[in-house]
């Protein structure tokens, strides 16, 4: 924005800046976050009596974003991908992917795990996007695999090293096509989708994924076997048929 003077800063200034950033390829989500941060900054200054004017961005609205369909892997694709990942030279990528599929974690959360975060049949995710810690149970076999991997490949407390590029190569070998921006995140979507399709509880899923709002988790609700089943039972056509019977 060219370091504007705060007293002269207007919503129009941000709108022009936003338009340029969008043209440069910055996503709408990122621009909404920038707007949110700047609004919050002015609101904080107002609450501290440092800024005595109106928030210049108070009337500027975020960009309305059409929600994209979340892709997830079928069980056959999961098996195929897990068979392809170890074929590369990176020793970490396959186990990172397994943990993401077993716990619904983000790639970065798993890639940065320390051995202290794995204990008593759980993985404790501490440095999360929401800032809240969460503990996810894992089976004994996976815990043993993690311990053995750390003993053989770990560096200090770190269990893994960077493996994002190796994952992308594995996806390419498996010939799996993914939407833009959902490369490693597809593992998290895959966990959540199959969790719901198997009859998992939406509130439990919210806690597992660490979503602050249930609204985020509800994106997966339509996959539940009994999702809105009342539509079949309580619509007027069905009720009329029952009455006639």
Protein backbone atom coordinates (compact mmCIF):
# COMPACT_ATOMS: atom_id res chain seq x y z
CA UNK A 1 0.00 0.00 0.00
CA UNK A 2 3.04 2.26 -0.04
CA UNK A 3 3.16 2.87 3.74
CA UNK A 4 0.21 5.29 3.90
CA UNK A 5 -0.19 7.66 6.82
CA UNK A 6 -2.84 6.21 9.12
CA UNK A 7 -4.75 9.51 9.38
CA UNK A 8 -5.15 9.60 5.60
CA UNK A 9 -5.81 5.89 5.12
CA UNK A 10 -9.26 5.11 3.66
CA UNK A 11 -11.30 2.10 2.65
CA UNK A 12 -10.72 3.12 -0.97
CA UNK A 13 -6.97 2.78 -0.42
CA UNK A 14 -7.41 -0.78 0.76
CA UNK A 15 -9.89 -1.60 -2.01
CA UNK A 16 -7.38 -0.49 -4.66
CA UNK A 17 -4.60 -2.43 -2.92
CA UNK A 18 -6.84 -5.51 -2.75
CA UNK A 19 -7.68 -5.29 -6.44
CA UNK A 20 -3.99 -5.19 -7.35
CA UNK A 21 -3.17 -8.13 -5.08
CA UNK A 22 -5.96 -10.21 -6.60
CA UNK A 23 -4.63 -9.41 -10.07
CA UNK A 24 -1.19 -10.56 -8.92
CA UNK A 25 -2.63 -13.94 -7.99
CA UNK A 26 -3.22 -13.58 -4.24
CA UNK A 27 -6.26 -15.61 -3.23
CA UNK A 28 -9.55 -14.12 -2.10
CA UNK A 29 -9.21 -15.95 1.23
CA UNK A 30 -5.85 -14.29 1.89
CA UNK A 31 -7.24 -10.86 1.08
CA UNK A 32 -10.17 -11.42 3.43
CA UNK A 33 -7.69 -12.31 6.16
CA UNK A 34 -5.67 -9.14 5.50
CA UNK A 35 -8.83 -7.07 5.75
CA UNK A 36 -9.75 -8.83 8.99
CA UNK A 37 -6.31 -8.17 10.48
CA UNK A 38 -6.35 -4.47 9.59
CA UNK A 39 -9.86 -4.02 10.95
CA UNK A 40 -8.80 -5.73 14.17
CA UNK A 41 -5.75 -3.49 14.45
CA UNK A 42 -7.83 -0.32 14.26
CA UNK A 43 -10.41 -1.76 16.69
CA UNK A 44 -7.65 -2.54 19.18
CA UNK A 45 -6.23 0.97 18.88
CA UNK A 46 -9.72 2.38 19.43
CA UNK A 47 -10.22 0.24 22.56
CA UNK A 48 -6.89 1.55 23.91
CA UNK A 49 -7.91 5.15 23.19
CA UNK A 50 -4.92 5.49 20.88
CA UNK A 51 -7.11 5.97 17.79
CA UNK A 52 -9.92 8.44 18.35
CA UNK A 53 -11.48 8.29 14.89
CA UNK A 54 -13.79 5.76 13.29
CA UNK A 55 -12.30 2.54 11.99
CA UNK A 56 -11.67 3.43 8.31
CA UNK A 57 -12.41 -0.15 7.24
CA UNK A 58 -15.57 -0.69 9.28
CA UNK A 59 -17.90 -0.49 6.27
CA UNK A 60 -15.71 -2.41 3.83
CA UNK A 61 -17.03 -5.95 3.32
CA UNK A 62 -15.03 -9.11 2.77
CA UNK A 63 -15.17 -10.82 -0.60
CA UNK A 64 -17.98 -13.37 -0.77
CA UNK A 65 -16.39 -16.68 -1.64
CA UNK A 66 -18.24 -19.57 -3.25
CA UNK A 67 -17.34 -22.66 -1.24
CA UNK A 68 -15.39 -25.21 -3.27
CA UNK A 69 -16.13 -28.90 -3.11
CA UNK A 70 -13.54 -30.68 -0.98
CA UNK A 71 -11.83 -33.58 -2.71
CA UNK A 72 -11.04 -36.79 -0.88
CA UNK A 73 -9.41 -40.07 -1.83
CA UNK A 74 -11.30 -43.32 -2.19
CA UNK A 75 -10.02 -46.27 -0.17
CA UNK A 76 -8.55 -47.76 -3.35
CA UNK A 77 -6.71 -44.50 -4.00
CA UNK A 78 -5.45 -44.45 -0.41
CA UNK A 79 -4.03 -47.96 -0.80
CA UNK A 80 -2.49 -47.09 -4.16
CA UNK A 81 -0.93 -43.88 -2.85
CA UNK A 82 0.54 -45.57 0.23
CA UNK A 83 2.09 -48.17 -2.07
CA UNK A 84 3.68 -45.49 -4.26
CA UNK A 85 5.04 -43.14 -1.58
CA UNK A 86 7.84 -45.46 -0.31
CA UNK A 87 9.20 -45.82 -3.86
CA UNK A 88 10.79 -42.37 -3.68
CA UNK A 89 14.06 -41.50 -1.94
CA UNK A 90 12.48 -39.61 0.97
CA UNK A 91 12.24 -41.94 4.01
CA UNK A 92 9.69 -39.73 5.82
CA UNK A 93 6.89 -39.14 3.33
CA UNK A 94 4.97 -42.42 3.67
CA UNK A 95 4.72 -42.29 7.47
CA UNK A 96 3.76 -38.61 7.49
CA UNK A 97 0.92 -39.43 5.09
CA UNK A 98 -0.18 -42.37 7.26
CA UNK A 99 -0.37 -40.17 10.35
CA UNK A 100 -2.39 -37.51 8.49
CA UNK A 101 -4.81 -40.21 7.34
CA UNK A 102 -5.04 -41.69 10.84
CA UNK A 103 -5.54 -38.44 12.76
CA UNK A 104 -6.90 -35.84 10.32
CA UNK A 105 -3.89 -33.63 11.03
CA UNK A 106 -2.51 -30.97 8.74
CA UNK A 107 0.67 -31.86 6.87
CA UNK A 108 2.73 -29.23 8.67
CA UNK A 109 1.51 -30.34 12.09
CA UNK A 110 2.70 -33.88 11.40
CA UNK A 111 5.90 -32.97 9.58
CA UNK A 112 7.00 -30.92 12.61
CA UNK A 113 6.18 -33.54 15.25
CA UNK A 114 8.66 -34.20 18.04
CA UNK A 115 8.98 -37.54 19.76
CA UNK A 116 7.67 -36.03 23.00
CA UNK A 117 4.30 -35.45 21.31
CA UNK A 118 3.76 -39.19 20.82
CA UNK A 119 2.96 -41.09 24.03
CA UNK A 120 0.43 -43.43 25.64
CA UNK A 121 -1.29 -44.22 22.36
CA UNK A 122 -1.94 -40.58 21.41
CA UNK A 123 -0.40 -37.80 19.36
CA UNK A 124 -0.51 -34.39 21.03
CA UNK A 125 -0.75 -31.60 18.47
CA UNK A 126 0.41 -28.43 20.19
CA UNK A 127 1.47 -25.89 17.55
CA UNK A 128 -1.82 -25.83 15.70
CA UNK A 129 -3.44 -23.33 13.35
CA UNK A 130 -6.14 -22.54 15.92
CA UNK A 131 -3.62 -22.23 18.73
CA UNK A 132 -5.39 -24.93 20.75
CA UNK A 133 -3.75 -28.24 21.61
CA UNK A 134 -5.56 -31.48 20.82
CA UNK A 135 -4.73 -35.14 21.51
CA UNK A 136 -5.71 -37.79 18.95
CA UNK A 137 -5.62 -41.54 19.77
CA UNK A 138 -3.65 -43.83 17.43
CA UNK A 139 -3.35 -47.61 17.33
CA UNK A 140 -0.41 -49.47 18.81
CA UNK A 141 1.00 -50.48 15.42
CA UNK A 142 1.25 -46.88 14.24
CA UNK A 143 2.83 -45.76 17.52
CA UNK A 144 5.50 -48.47 17.26
CA UNK A 145 6.16 -47.48 13.64
CA UNK A 146 6.66 -43.86 14.70
CA UNK A 147 9.06 -44.83 17.49
CA UNK A 148 11.09 -47.06 15.18
CA UNK A 149 11.19 -44.36 12.51
CA UNK A 150 12.50 -41.80 15.00
CA UNK A 151 15.21 -44.21 16.16
CA UNK A 152 16.36 -44.76 12.57
CA UNK A 153 15.73 -41.44 10.84
CA UNK A 154 15.00 -38.85 13.54
CA UNK A 155 17.15 -35.79 14.20
CA UNK A 156 17.23 -34.88 17.88
CA UNK A 157 13.61 -34.60 19.00
CA UNK A 158 12.37 -34.23 15.44
CA UNK A 159 10.79 -37.33 13.95
CA UNK A 160 10.64 -36.14 10.34
CA UNK A 161 12.27 -33.82 7.85
CA UNK A 162 10.65 -32.00 4.95
CA UNK A 163 8.71 -34.31 2.63
CA UNK A 164 6.19 -32.12 0.78
CA UNK A 165 7.94 -32.42 -2.59
CA UNK A 166 8.20 -36.18 -2.15
CA UNK A 167 4.47 -36.37 -1.49
CA UNK A 168 3.72 -34.47 -4.69
CA UNK A 169 5.94 -36.89 -6.61
CA UNK A 170 4.12 -39.83 -5.04
CA UNK A 171 0.76 -38.39 -6.07
CA UNK A 172 2.05 -38.02 -9.60
CA UNK A 173 3.31 -41.62 -9.66
CA UNK A 174 -0.10 -42.77 -8.39
CA UNK A 175 -1.69 -40.69 -11.19
CA UNK A 176 -4.11 -39.03 -8.78
CA UNK A 177 -5.45 -35.67 -9.95
CA UNK A 178 -6.15 -33.14 -7.21
CA UNK A 179 -7.67 -29.64 -7.31
CA UNK A 180 -5.29 -26.71 -7.04
CA UNK A 181 -4.36 -26.02 -3.44
CA UNK A 182 -5.44 -29.42 -2.09
CA UNK A 183 -2.20 -31.37 -2.49
CA UNK A 184 -1.35 -32.48 1.05
CA UNK A 185 -4.62 -31.15 2.49
CA UNK A 186 -6.46 -33.93 0.64
CA UNK A 187 -5.28 -36.29 3.39
CA UNK A 188 -7.13 -34.25 6.03
CA UNK A 189 -10.23 -34.13 3.83
CA UNK A 190 -9.95 -37.88 3.26
CA UNK A 191 -9.87 -38.57 6.99
CA UNK A 192 -12.88 -36.35 7.68
CA UNK A 193 -14.90 -37.66 4.74
CA UNK A 194 -14.45 -41.34 5.56
CA UNK A 195 -15.00 -40.62 9.26
CA UNK A 196 -18.44 -39.23 8.45
CA UNK A 197 -19.30 -41.88 5.85
CA UNK A 198 -18.53 -44.57 8.44
CA UNK A 199 -21.03 -43.00 10.84
CA UNK A 200 -18.74 -40.78 12.91
CA UNK A 201 -20.16 -38.02 15.09
CA UNK A 202 -19.90 -34.47 13.72
CA UNK A 203 -19.04 -33.00 17.15
CA UNK A 204 -16.30 -35.57 17.64
CA UNK A 205 -14.95 -34.67 14.20
CA UNK A 206 -14.86 -31.01 15.17
CA UNK A 207 -12.69 -31.83 18.18
CA UNK A 208 -10.43 -34.14 16.16
CA UNK A 209 -9.84 -31.56 13.43
CA UNK A 210 -9.48 -28.73 15.93
CA UNK A 211 -12.03 -26.48 14.24
CA UNK A 212 -12.96 -23.47 16.35
CA UNK A 213 -16.36 -23.28 14.69
CA UNK A 214 -18.73 -26.15 13.92
CA UNK A 215 -19.51 -24.35 10.66
CA UNK A 216 -16.17 -25.50 9.26
CA UNK A 217 -16.82 -29.11 10.22
CA UNK A 218 -20.33 -29.06 8.76
CA UNK A 219 -18.78 -29.14 5.29
CA UNK A 220 -18.50 -32.90 5.80
CA UNK A 221 -21.96 -33.49 7.28
CA UNK A 222 -23.57 -34.37 3.95
CA UNK A 223 -21.43 -37.51 3.82
CA UNK A 224 -23.06 -39.01 6.91
CA UNK A 225 -25.28 -42.05 6.10
CA UNK A 226 -28.27 -40.47 7.84
CA UNK A 227 -27.69 -36.90 6.65
CA UNK A 228 -31.08 -35.17 6.39
CA UNK A 229 -32.80 -38.56 6.18
CA UNK A 230 -35.90 -36.83 7.55
CA UNK A 231 -36.34 -35.35 4.05
CA UNK A 232 -37.39 -38.82 2.86
CA UNK A 233 -39.66 -39.45 5.82
CA UNK A 234 -41.38 -36.15 6.49
CA UNK A 235 -41.97 -34.62 3.07
CA UNK A 236 -45.67 -34.08 2.19
CA UNK A 237 -45.65 -36.65 -0.62
CA UNK A 238 -44.53 -39.43 1.71
CA UNK A 239 -46.95 -38.29 4.42
CA UNK A 240 -49.85 -38.41 1.95
CA UNK A 241 -48.91 -41.92 0.91
CA UNK A 242 -48.81 -43.05 4.53
CA UNK A 243 -52.23 -41.54 5.17
CA UNK A 244 -53.68 -43.31 2.13
CA UNK A 245 -52.20 -46.59 3.30
